[in-house]
Amino acid sequence: MSKVLIVPGLHDSPAGHWQTWLEARLPDAVRVIQDNWSDPALEVWSRRLEAAIIAAGGEAIIVGHSFGCLAALRAMSWHPDKVRGALLVAPADPRKFGLDCPSSAALAPIRSIVVGSENDPWMTIDVARGIAERIDGDFVNLGLAGHINIAAGYGPWPAAERLVDGFRQPLARSFIRTIAPVSRPLSESGFR
């Protein structure tokens, strides 16, 4: 069974956040802990995730949120063969942290879903969609879902659990496209 690596963003994912809920639901989930949740240091956060990917053995499933998605993109580019899939939710715009946007040369194609929102204050929908395209991932537009966190109403989120379970399937890509068509808001298909 693949280990699920929970990769929170800035300030961690507190009790009530969908990532914390998901971690409690999955017996094989491990939170990637950062030394300083208030200091979004991309290299440090990426290396911590890289160590977790290697320690997982086999293939890991990565579940990132916000700045955690940026760390995930970097770490996955170093070890694409060790990542079974990635659910990247509400990625933060690298430019908000003084970083360059990931270039297509740096991103390996990985089975992935990038979930964005039309009113996310941390990244525009077009930049989120562009990241999905550069990693050959599926893109899901949740509509007006904010930053897809507690403030936006995302505590328990069964759709996230189903999407992670989809990566465990041999044909994960077709499963993902069945339940979360590209650019279709999940709320329209009952996956809120």
N, C-alpha and C. Protein backbone atom coordinates (compact mmCIF):
# COMPACT_ATOMS: atom_id res chain seq x y z
N MET A 1 0.84 -1.18 0.00
CA MET A 1 0.00 0.00 0.00
C MET A 1 0.89 1.25 0.00
N SER A 2 0.51 2.23 -0.79
CA SER A 2 1.26 3.48 -0.86
C SER A 2 1.05 4.31 0.40
N LYS A 3 2.09 4.93 0.88
CA LYS A 3 2.01 5.85 2.01
C LYS A 3 1.48 7.18 1.50
N VAL A 4 0.57 7.79 2.27
CA VAL A 4 0.02 9.10 1.91
C VAL A 4 0.76 10.15 2.72
N LEU A 5 1.38 11.09 2.04
CA LEU A 5 2.13 12.16 2.69
C LEU A 5 1.31 13.45 2.66
N ILE A 6 0.92 13.92 3.82
CA ILE A 6 0.14 15.14 3.96
C ILE A 6 1.13 16.30 4.05
N VAL A 7 1.00 17.27 3.14
CA VAL A 7 1.96 18.37 3.05
C VAL A 7 1.20 19.70 3.21
N PRO A 8 1.06 20.16 4.45
CA PRO A 8 0.35 21.42 4.70
C PRO A 8 1.13 22.63 4.18
N GLY A 9 0.44 23.76 4.18
CA GLY A 9 1.06 25.02 3.78
C GLY A 9 1.47 25.84 4.99
N LEU A 10 1.63 27.11 4.74
CA LEU A 10 2.05 28.07 5.76
C LEU A 10 1.18 27.93 7.01
N HIS A 11 1.80 27.87 8.16
CA HIS A 11 1.15 27.77 9.48
C HIS A 11 0.49 26.42 9.73
N ASP A 12 0.81 25.40 8.92
CA ASP A 12 0.29 24.04 9.12
C ASP A 12 -1.22 24.01 8.84
N SER A 13 -1.81 22.85 8.92
CA SER A 13 -3.26 22.68 8.76
C SER A 13 -3.82 22.32 10.13
N PRO A 14 -4.51 23.26 10.77
CA PRO A 14 -4.98 23.05 12.14
C PRO A 14 -6.14 22.06 12.22
N ALA A 15 -6.53 21.74 13.44
CA ALA A 15 -7.72 20.89 13.65
C ALA A 15 -8.88 21.54 12.91
N GLY A 16 -9.67 20.73 12.26
CA GLY A 16 -10.80 21.23 11.49
C GLY A 16 -10.51 21.41 10.02
N HIS A 17 -9.24 21.46 9.63
CA HIS A 17 -8.86 21.60 8.22
C HIS A 17 -9.05 20.25 7.52
N TRP A 18 -9.39 20.28 6.24
CA TRP A 18 -9.64 19.04 5.51
C TRP A 18 -8.41 18.13 5.49
N GLN A 19 -7.18 18.67 5.49
CA GLN A 19 -6.00 17.82 5.50
C GLN A 19 -5.88 17.06 6.82
N THR A 20 -6.18 17.72 7.91
CA THR A 20 -6.12 17.08 9.22
C THR A 20 -7.20 16.01 9.32
N TRP A 21 -8.38 16.31 8.81
CA TRP A 21 -9.47 15.33 8.76
C TRP A 21 -9.05 14.11 7.93
N LEU A 22 -8.46 14.36 6.76
CA LEU A 22 -8.04 13.27 5.88
C LEU A 22 -6.95 12.42 6.54
N GLU A 23 -6.01 13.06 7.17
CA GLU A 23 -4.93 12.34 7.85
C GLU A 23 -5.49 11.38 8.90
N ALA A 24 -6.51 11.81 9.63
CA ALA A 24 -7.12 10.96 10.66
C ALA A 24 -7.89 9.80 10.05
N ARG A 25 -8.36 9.96 8.83
CA ARG A 25 -9.15 8.92 8.15
C ARG A 25 -8.30 7.84 7.50
N LEU A 26 -7.07 8.15 7.19
CA LEU A 26 -6.22 7.21 6.45
C LEU A 26 -5.14 6.64 7.36
N PRO A 27 -5.17 5.34 7.63
CA PRO A 27 -4.19 4.75 8.55
C PRO A 27 -2.75 4.83 8.03
N ASP A 28 -2.57 5.01 6.73
CA ASP A 28 -1.23 5.07 6.16
C ASP A 28 -0.77 6.50 5.89
N ALA A 29 -1.48 7.48 6.45
CA ALA A 29 -1.12 8.88 6.23
C ALA A 29 -0.09 9.36 7.25
N VAL A 30 0.86 10.16 6.75
CA VAL A 30 1.89 10.75 7.58
C VAL A 30 1.98 12.23 7.22
N ARG A 31 1.92 13.09 8.24
CA ARG A 31 2.08 14.53 8.01
C ARG A 31 3.57 14.84 7.90
N VAL A 32 3.95 15.59 6.89
CA VAL A 32 5.33 16.04 6.74
C VAL A 32 5.46 17.31 7.59
N ILE A 33 6.24 17.19 8.65
CA ILE A 33 6.39 18.27 9.63
C ILE A 33 7.56 19.18 9.24
N GLN A 34 7.30 20.46 9.26
CA GLN A 34 8.36 21.45 9.00
C GLN A 34 8.89 22.00 10.32
N ASP A 35 10.15 22.39 10.35
CA ASP A 35 10.73 22.96 11.56
C ASP A 35 10.09 24.30 11.93
N ASN A 36 9.74 25.08 10.92
CA ASN A 36 9.17 26.39 11.17
C ASN A 36 8.03 26.63 10.19
N TRP A 37 6.81 26.45 10.68
CA TRP A 37 5.62 26.60 9.83
C TRP A 37 5.39 28.05 9.39
N SER A 38 6.04 29.00 10.04
CA SER A 38 5.85 30.41 9.70
C SER A 38 6.90 30.93 8.72
N ASP A 39 7.85 30.08 8.36
CA ASP A 39 8.92 30.47 7.43
C ASP A 39 8.85 29.60 6.19
N PRO A 40 8.16 30.07 5.15
CA PRO A 40 8.02 29.26 3.94
C PRO A 40 9.31 29.25 3.11
N ALA A 41 10.24 28.43 3.52
CA ALA A 41 11.53 28.29 2.84
C ALA A 41 11.43 27.10 1.89
N LEU A 42 11.29 27.38 0.62
CA LEU A 42 10.99 26.33 -0.36
C LEU A 42 12.02 25.20 -0.35
N GLU A 43 13.29 25.53 -0.34
CA GLU A 43 14.32 24.49 -0.38
C GLU A 43 14.24 23.60 0.86
N VAL A 44 14.08 24.21 2.02
CA VAL A 44 14.01 23.45 3.28
C VAL A 44 12.76 22.57 3.29
N TRP A 45 11.62 23.14 2.93
CA TRP A 45 10.37 22.37 2.94
C TRP A 45 10.42 21.23 1.92
N SER A 46 11.00 21.50 0.75
CA SER A 46 11.10 20.47 -0.29
C SER A 46 12.00 19.33 0.14
N ARG A 47 13.11 19.65 0.78
CA ARG A 47 14.04 18.61 1.25
C ARG A 47 13.39 17.76 2.34
N ARG A 48 12.58 18.37 3.20
CA ARG A 48 11.88 17.61 4.24
C ARG A 48 10.89 16.63 3.58
N LEU A 49 10.19 17.09 2.55
CA LEU A 49 9.28 16.20 1.83
C LEU A 49 10.06 15.13 1.09
N GLU A 50 11.19 15.49 0.49
CA GLU A 50 12.01 14.49 -0.20
C GLU A 50 12.39 13.37 0.75
N ALA A 51 12.80 13.71 1.96
CA ALA A 51 13.16 12.69 2.95
C ALA A 51 11.97 11.79 3.27
N ALA A 52 10.78 12.37 3.34
CA ALA A 52 9.58 11.58 3.62
C ALA A 52 9.24 10.66 2.44
N ILE A 53 9.44 11.14 1.23
CA ILE A 53 9.19 10.32 0.04
C ILE A 53 10.13 9.11 0.05
N ILE A 54 11.38 9.34 0.32
CA ILE A 54 12.36 8.26 0.35
C ILE A 54 12.04 7.29 1.49
N ALA A 55 11.70 7.82 2.66
CA ALA A 55 11.39 6.97 3.82
C ALA A 55 10.13 6.15 3.61
N ALA A 56 9.23 6.63 2.76
CA ALA A 56 7.98 5.91 2.52
C ALA A 56 8.23 4.57 1.84
N GLY A 57 9.32 4.47 1.08
CA GLY A 57 9.58 3.23 0.34
C GLY A 57 8.48 3.04 -0.69
N GLY A 58 8.77 2.42 -1.77
CA GLY A 58 7.75 2.24 -2.81
C GLY A 58 7.32 3.56 -3.39
N GLU A 59 6.02 3.71 -3.57
CA GLU A 59 5.49 4.92 -4.17
C GLU A 59 4.60 5.65 -3.18
N ALA A 60 4.82 6.95 -3.03
CA ALA A 60 4.04 7.77 -2.12
C ALA A 60 2.91 8.47 -2.88
N ILE A 61 1.86 8.78 -2.16
CA ILE A 61 0.79 9.64 -2.66
C ILE A 61 0.91 10.94 -1.87
N ILE A 62 1.03 12.05 -2.57
CA ILE A 62 1.24 13.33 -1.93
C ILE A 62 -0.05 14.14 -1.95
N VAL A 63 -0.39 14.71 -0.80
CA VAL A 63 -1.58 15.55 -0.67
C VAL A 63 -1.11 16.91 -0.14
N GLY A 64 -0.98 17.87 -1.04
CA GLY A 64 -0.48 19.19 -0.67
C GLY A 64 -1.56 20.24 -0.65
N HIS A 65 -1.32 21.27 0.16
CA HIS A 65 -2.19 22.44 0.20
C HIS A 65 -1.33 23.70 0.24
N SER A 66 -1.70 24.69 -0.54
CA SER A 66 -1.11 26.02 -0.52
C SER A 66 0.41 25.96 -0.76
N PHE A 67 1.21 26.51 0.15
CA PHE A 67 2.66 26.49 -0.04
C PHE A 67 3.20 25.06 -0.05
N GLY A 68 2.50 24.15 0.61
CA GLY A 68 2.89 22.74 0.58
C GLY A 68 2.88 22.18 -0.84
N CYS A 69 2.02 22.73 -1.70
CA CYS A 69 2.01 22.30 -3.11
C CYS A 69 3.30 22.69 -3.81
N LEU A 70 3.83 23.86 -3.49
CA LEU A 70 5.09 24.29 -4.10
C LEU A 70 6.23 23.39 -3.67
N ALA A 71 6.27 23.04 -2.39
CA ALA A 71 7.28 22.09 -1.91
C ALA A 71 7.10 20.74 -2.59
N ALA A 72 5.85 20.33 -2.77
CA ALA A 72 5.57 19.05 -3.42
C ALA A 72 6.04 19.05 -4.87
N LEU A 73 5.77 20.12 -5.59
CA LEU A 73 6.20 20.18 -6.99
C LEU A 73 7.71 20.04 -7.11
N ARG A 74 8.44 20.71 -6.23
CA ARG A 74 9.90 20.63 -6.29
C ARG A 74 10.37 19.22 -5.93
N ALA A 75 9.88 18.67 -4.82
CA ALA A 75 10.34 17.34 -4.38
C ALA A 75 9.94 16.26 -5.38
N MET A 76 8.77 16.38 -5.98
CA MET A 76 8.35 15.38 -6.97
C MET A 76 9.23 15.43 -8.20
N SER A 77 9.74 16.59 -8.54
CA SER A 77 10.60 16.68 -9.72
C SER A 77 11.92 15.94 -9.50
N TRP A 78 12.32 15.76 -8.25
CA TRP A 78 13.55 15.03 -7.94
C TRP A 78 13.33 13.52 -7.94
N HIS A 79 12.11 13.08 -7.64
CA HIS A 79 11.84 11.65 -7.51
C HIS A 79 10.49 11.26 -8.12
N PRO A 80 10.27 11.55 -9.40
CA PRO A 80 8.96 11.24 -9.98
C PRO A 80 8.63 9.75 -9.97
N ASP A 81 9.65 8.91 -9.98
CA ASP A 81 9.44 7.46 -9.98
C ASP A 81 8.96 6.96 -8.62
N LYS A 82 9.07 7.77 -7.57
CA LYS A 82 8.66 7.35 -6.24
C LYS A 82 7.32 7.95 -5.82
N VAL A 83 6.65 8.63 -6.77
CA VAL A 83 5.36 9.26 -6.48
C VAL A 83 4.28 8.61 -7.33
N ARG A 84 3.33 7.97 -6.66
CA ARG A 84 2.23 7.31 -7.36
C ARG A 84 1.19 8.30 -7.85
N GLY A 85 1.03 9.40 -7.10
CA GLY A 85 0.07 10.42 -7.49
C GLY A 85 0.15 11.60 -6.54
N ALA A 86 -0.44 12.71 -6.98
CA ALA A 86 -0.42 13.92 -6.16
C ALA A 86 -1.74 14.65 -6.28
N LEU A 87 -2.29 15.00 -5.14
CA LEU A 87 -3.47 15.85 -5.06
C LEU A 87 -2.97 17.19 -4.54
N LEU A 88 -2.98 18.20 -5.40
CA LEU A 88 -2.45 19.52 -5.06
C LEU A 88 -3.61 20.50 -5.01
N VAL A 89 -3.97 20.92 -3.80
CA VAL A 89 -5.18 21.71 -3.59
C VAL A 89 -4.82 23.15 -3.24
N ALA A 90 -5.42 24.07 -3.96
CA ALA A 90 -5.23 25.51 -3.73
C ALA A 90 -3.75 25.88 -3.64
N PRO A 91 -2.97 25.55 -4.68
CA PRO A 91 -1.54 25.90 -4.61
C PRO A 91 -1.37 27.41 -4.47
N ALA A 92 -0.35 27.80 -3.74
CA ALA A 92 -0.03 29.22 -3.60
C ALA A 92 0.77 29.67 -4.81
N ASP A 93 0.56 30.90 -5.21
CA ASP A 93 1.33 31.47 -6.32
C ASP A 93 2.76 31.71 -5.83
N PRO A 94 3.75 31.10 -6.49
CA PRO A 94 5.14 31.26 -6.06
C PRO A 94 5.58 32.72 -5.99
N ARG A 95 5.01 33.55 -6.86
CA ARG A 95 5.41 34.97 -6.90
C ARG A 95 5.04 35.70 -5.61
N LYS A 96 4.04 35.20 -4.88
CA LYS A 96 3.67 35.82 -3.59
C LYS A 96 4.76 35.61 -2.55
N PHE A 97 5.67 34.67 -2.82
CA PHE A 97 6.78 34.39 -1.91
C PHE A 97 8.12 34.78 -2.52
N GLY A 98 8.08 35.55 -3.61
CA GLY A 98 9.31 35.99 -4.26
C GLY A 98 10.01 34.89 -5.03
N LEU A 99 9.25 33.87 -5.43
CA LEU A 99 9.81 32.74 -6.17
C LEU A 99 9.34 32.77 -7.61
N ASP A 100 10.10 32.13 -8.49
CA ASP A 100 9.68 31.99 -9.88
C ASP A 100 8.62 30.91 -9.98
N CYS A 101 7.75 31.05 -10.97
CA CYS A 101 6.79 29.97 -11.23
C CYS A 101 7.56 28.75 -11.69
N PRO A 102 7.09 27.56 -11.32
CA PRO A 102 7.79 26.36 -11.79
C PRO A 102 7.83 26.34 -13.31
N SER A 103 8.99 26.04 -13.85
CA SER A 103 9.11 25.93 -15.30
C SER A 103 8.76 24.50 -15.73
N SER A 104 8.29 24.38 -16.95
CA SER A 104 7.91 23.05 -17.43
C SER A 104 9.11 22.11 -17.46
N ALA A 105 10.31 22.65 -17.63
CA ALA A 105 11.50 21.80 -17.66
C ALA A 105 11.76 21.17 -16.30
N ALA A 106 11.33 21.84 -15.23
CA ALA A 106 11.62 21.35 -13.88
C ALA A 106 10.56 20.37 -13.37
N LEU A 107 9.44 20.26 -14.07
CA LEU A 107 8.34 19.44 -13.59
C LEU A 107 8.18 18.18 -14.42
N ALA A 108 8.28 17.05 -13.76
CA ALA A 108 8.09 15.77 -14.45
C ALA A 108 6.60 15.46 -14.48
N PRO A 109 6.11 14.83 -15.56
CA PRO A 109 4.71 14.42 -15.58
C PRO A 109 4.44 13.38 -14.49
N ILE A 110 3.48 13.65 -13.66
CA ILE A 110 3.09 12.77 -12.57
C ILE A 110 1.58 12.69 -12.57
N ARG A 111 1.04 11.51 -12.29
CA ARG A 111 -0.41 11.40 -12.16
C ARG A 111 -0.85 12.36 -11.07
N SER A 112 -1.63 13.33 -11.43
CA SER A 112 -1.95 14.36 -10.46
C SER A 112 -3.27 15.05 -10.75
N ILE A 113 -3.78 15.67 -9.70
CA ILE A 113 -4.95 16.54 -9.80
C ILE A 113 -4.58 17.83 -9.11
N VAL A 114 -4.76 18.93 -9.81
CA VAL A 114 -4.61 20.25 -9.21
C VAL A 114 -6.02 20.81 -9.06
N VAL A 115 -6.36 21.19 -7.83
CA VAL A 115 -7.69 21.74 -7.54
C VAL A 115 -7.53 23.22 -7.26
N GLY A 116 -8.25 24.03 -8.02
CA GLY A 116 -8.18 25.48 -7.84
C GLY A 116 -9.55 26.08 -7.63
N SER A 117 -9.54 27.37 -7.37
CA SER A 117 -10.76 28.11 -7.07
C SER A 117 -10.73 29.44 -7.81
N GLU A 118 -11.88 29.90 -8.22
CA GLU A 118 -11.96 31.15 -8.97
C GLU A 118 -11.74 32.39 -8.11
N ASN A 119 -11.83 32.25 -6.79
CA ASN A 119 -11.63 33.41 -5.93
C ASN A 119 -10.60 33.14 -4.83
N ASP A 120 -9.60 32.34 -5.15
CA ASP A 120 -8.53 32.05 -4.20
C ASP A 120 -7.60 33.25 -4.13
N PRO A 121 -7.41 33.84 -2.94
CA PRO A 121 -6.53 35.01 -2.84
C PRO A 121 -5.05 34.67 -3.00
N TRP A 122 -4.68 33.38 -2.98
CA TRP A 122 -3.28 32.99 -3.06
C TRP A 122 -2.84 32.58 -4.46
N MET A 123 -3.78 32.36 -5.38
CA MET A 123 -3.40 32.01 -6.76
C MET A 123 -4.60 32.17 -7.68
N THR A 124 -4.37 32.75 -8.84
CA THR A 124 -5.45 32.86 -9.81
C THR A 124 -5.76 31.49 -10.41
N ILE A 125 -6.95 31.36 -10.89
CA ILE A 125 -7.38 30.10 -11.48
C ILE A 125 -6.53 29.76 -12.71
N ASP A 126 -6.12 30.76 -13.47
CA ASP A 126 -5.32 30.50 -14.67
C ASP A 126 -3.92 29.99 -14.33
N VAL A 127 -3.31 30.52 -13.27
CA VAL A 127 -1.99 30.03 -12.87
C VAL A 127 -2.10 28.60 -12.36
N ALA A 128 -3.13 28.31 -11.58
CA ALA A 128 -3.35 26.94 -11.08
C ALA A 128 -3.55 25.97 -12.25
N ARG A 129 -4.36 26.37 -13.21
CA ARG A 129 -4.59 25.53 -14.39
C ARG A 129 -3.28 25.31 -15.16
N GLY A 130 -2.45 26.35 -15.24
CA GLY A 130 -1.17 26.24 -15.92
C GLY A 130 -0.24 25.24 -15.25
N ILE A 131 -0.25 25.20 -13.93
CA ILE A 131 0.57 24.21 -13.22
C ILE A 131 0.10 22.80 -13.57
N ALA A 132 -1.21 22.60 -13.58
CA ALA A 132 -1.75 21.27 -13.94
C ALA A 132 -1.30 20.87 -15.34
N GLU A 133 -1.35 21.80 -16.27
CA GLU A 133 -0.93 21.50 -17.64
C GLU A 133 0.56 21.15 -17.71
N ARG A 134 1.39 21.89 -16.96
CA ARG A 134 2.84 21.64 -17.02
C ARG A 134 3.24 20.30 -16.42
N ILE A 135 2.44 19.74 -15.53
CA ILE A 135 2.77 18.42 -14.98
C ILE A 135 1.88 17.34 -15.58
N ASP A 136 1.17 17.69 -16.65
CA ASP A 136 0.28 16.76 -17.34
C ASP A 136 -0.76 16.18 -16.37
N GLY A 137 -1.26 17.05 -15.49
CA GLY A 137 -2.26 16.62 -14.51
C GLY A 137 -3.65 17.07 -14.91
N ASP A 138 -4.61 16.54 -14.19
CA ASP A 138 -5.98 16.98 -14.37
C ASP A 138 -6.20 18.25 -13.56
N PHE A 139 -7.09 19.09 -14.03
CA PHE A 139 -7.40 20.32 -13.30
C PHE A 139 -8.87 20.32 -12.95
N VAL A 140 -9.15 20.65 -11.69
CA VAL A 140 -10.54 20.74 -11.22
C VAL A 140 -10.76 22.15 -10.70
N ASN A 141 -11.79 22.80 -11.25
CA ASN A 141 -12.18 24.13 -10.83
C ASN A 141 -13.34 23.99 -9.84
N LEU A 142 -13.10 24.33 -8.58
CA LEU A 142 -14.16 24.23 -7.57
C LEU A 142 -15.10 25.43 -7.58
N GLY A 143 -14.89 26.35 -8.50
CA GLY A 143 -15.76 27.53 -8.54
C GLY A 143 -15.33 28.54 -7.49
N LEU A 144 -16.29 29.09 -6.78
CA LEU A 144 -16.02 30.10 -5.76
C LEU A 144 -15.79 29.41 -4.42
N ALA A 145 -14.61 28.85 -4.25
CA ALA A 145 -14.29 28.05 -3.06
C ALA A 145 -13.17 28.66 -2.22
N GLY A 146 -12.82 29.91 -2.47
CA GLY A 146 -11.78 30.56 -1.68
C GLY A 146 -10.47 29.80 -1.73
N HIS A 147 -9.81 29.73 -0.59
CA HIS A 147 -8.51 29.05 -0.51
C HIS A 147 -8.66 27.58 -0.13
N ILE A 148 -9.86 27.07 -0.18
CA ILE A 148 -10.17 25.66 0.09
C ILE A 148 -9.55 25.26 1.44
N ASN A 149 -9.94 26.00 2.45
CA ASN A 149 -9.46 25.78 3.81
C ASN A 149 -10.63 25.92 4.78
N ILE A 150 -10.35 25.99 6.07
CA ILE A 150 -11.41 26.10 7.07
C ILE A 150 -12.27 27.34 6.82
N ALA A 151 -11.63 28.47 6.57
CA ALA A 151 -12.37 29.72 6.36
C ALA A 151 -13.33 29.62 5.17
N ALA A 152 -12.99 28.78 4.21
CA ALA A 152 -13.84 28.60 3.03
C ALA A 152 -14.83 27.44 3.20
N GLY A 153 -14.84 26.83 4.39
CA GLY A 153 -15.80 25.76 4.67
C GLY A 153 -15.31 24.36 4.38
N TYR A 154 -14.00 24.19 4.24
CA TYR A 154 -13.45 22.87 3.93
C TYR A 154 -12.82 22.23 5.16
N GLY A 155 -13.70 21.63 5.98
CA GLY A 155 -13.28 20.78 7.07
C GLY A 155 -13.31 19.36 6.52
N PRO A 156 -14.20 18.50 7.03
CA PRO A 156 -14.33 17.18 6.42
C PRO A 156 -14.67 17.33 4.93
N TRP A 157 -13.88 16.65 4.09
CA TRP A 157 -14.04 16.78 2.64
C TRP A 157 -13.93 15.39 2.01
N PRO A 158 -15.04 14.66 1.96
CA PRO A 158 -15.02 13.29 1.43
C PRO A 158 -14.46 13.18 0.00
N ALA A 159 -14.63 14.21 -0.80
CA ALA A 159 -14.08 14.15 -2.17
C ALA A 159 -12.58 13.97 -2.15
N ALA A 160 -11.89 14.62 -1.22
CA ALA A 160 -10.43 14.48 -1.14
C ALA A 160 -10.06 13.03 -0.85
N GLU A 161 -10.80 12.39 0.03
CA GLU A 161 -10.52 10.98 0.35
C GLU A 161 -10.74 10.10 -0.88
N ARG A 162 -11.81 10.36 -1.61
CA ARG A 162 -12.07 9.56 -2.83
C ARG A 162 -10.99 9.78 -3.88
N LEU A 163 -10.53 11.02 -4.01
CA LEU A 163 -9.49 11.29 -4.99
C LEU A 163 -8.18 10.60 -4.62
N VAL A 164 -7.82 10.63 -3.34
CA VAL A 164 -6.62 9.92 -2.89
C VAL A 164 -6.78 8.42 -3.13
N ASP A 165 -7.93 7.87 -2.80
CA ASP A 165 -8.17 6.45 -3.05
C ASP A 165 -8.05 6.11 -4.53
N GLY A 166 -8.41 7.05 -5.39
CA GLY A 166 -8.29 6.84 -6.82
C GLY A 166 -6.85 6.61 -7.27
N PHE A 167 -5.91 7.25 -6.60
CA PHE A 167 -4.50 7.05 -6.95
C PHE A 167 -4.03 5.64 -6.62
N ARG A 168 -4.72 4.96 -5.75
CA ARG A 168 -4.36 3.58 -5.40
C ARG A 168 -4.77 2.59 -6.49
N GLN A 169 -5.69 3.01 -7.35
CA GLN A 169 -6.20 2.13 -8.41
C GLN A 169 -5.17 2.02 -9.54
N PRO A 170 -5.10 0.84 -10.17
CA PRO A 170 -4.15 0.67 -11.28
C PRO A 170 -4.38 1.67 -12.41
N LEU A 171 -5.63 2.02 -12.65
CA LEU A 171 -5.95 2.97 -13.71
C LEU A 171 -6.38 4.29 -13.09
N ALA A 172 -5.56 4.82 -12.24
CA ALA A 172 -5.91 6.03 -11.47
C ALA A 172 -6.34 7.18 -12.37
N ARG A 173 -5.68 7.35 -13.49
CA ARG A 173 -5.98 8.50 -14.34
C ARG A 173 -7.42 8.45 -14.85
N SER A 174 -7.88 7.28 -15.33
CA SER A 174 -9.25 7.20 -15.83
C SER A 174 -10.24 7.34 -14.69
N PHE A 175 -9.90 6.84 -13.50
CA PHE A 175 -10.78 6.99 -12.35
C PHE A 175 -10.95 8.47 -12.01
N ILE A 176 -9.86 9.20 -12.01
CA ILE A 176 -9.90 10.62 -11.68
C ILE A 176 -10.77 11.36 -12.68
N ARG A 177 -10.59 11.09 -13.94
CA ARG A 177 -11.38 11.79 -14.95
C ARG A 177 -12.86 11.46 -14.85
N THR A 178 -13.19 10.29 -14.32
CA THR A 178 -14.59 9.91 -14.16
C THR A 178 -15.26 10.71 -13.05
N ILE A 179 -14.58 10.89 -11.93
CA ILE A 179 -15.25 11.58 -10.82
C ILE A 179 -14.95 13.07 -10.78
N ALA A 180 -13.93 13.53 -11.46
CA ALA A 180 -13.58 14.95 -11.43
C ALA A 180 -13.14 15.40 -12.81
N PRO A 181 -14.10 15.59 -13.72
CA PRO A 181 -13.72 15.99 -15.07
C PRO A 181 -12.91 17.30 -15.07
N VAL A 182 -12.04 17.41 -16.03
CA VAL A 182 -11.19 18.59 -16.14
C VAL A 182 -12.05 19.85 -16.20
N SER A 183 -11.67 20.83 -15.38
CA SER A 183 -12.29 22.16 -15.33
C SER A 183 -13.77 22.16 -14.98
N ARG A 184 -14.29 21.10 -14.43
CA ARG A 184 -15.67 21.10 -13.98
C ARG A 184 -15.69 21.23 -12.46
N PRO A 185 -16.41 22.21 -11.92
CA PRO A 185 -16.43 22.34 -10.47
C PRO A 185 -16.93 21.07 -9.79
N LEU A 186 -16.18 20.60 -8.79
CA LEU A 186 -16.58 19.40 -8.06
C LEU A 186 -17.94 19.58 -7.40
N SER A 187 -18.28 20.81 -6.99
CA SER A 187 -19.56 21.03 -6.34
C SER A 187 -20.72 20.68 -7.26
N GLU A 188 -20.55 20.82 -8.57
CA GLU A 188 -21.60 20.45 -9.52
C GLU A 188 -21.82 18.94 -9.56
N SER A 189 -20.80 18.18 -9.22
CA SER A 189 -20.95 16.72 -9.28
C SER A 189 -21.06 16.11 -7.89
N GLY A 190 -21.38 16.95 -6.89
CA GLY A 190 -21.61 16.46 -5.55
C GLY A 190 -20.36 16.14 -4.77
N PHE A 191 -19.23 16.69 -5.12
CA PHE A 191 -17.98 16.34 -4.45
C PHE A 191 -17.49 17.45 -3.54
N ARG A 192 -18.37 18.17 -2.94
CA ARG A 192 -17.97 19.22 -1.98
C ARG A 192 -17.51 18.59 -0.70
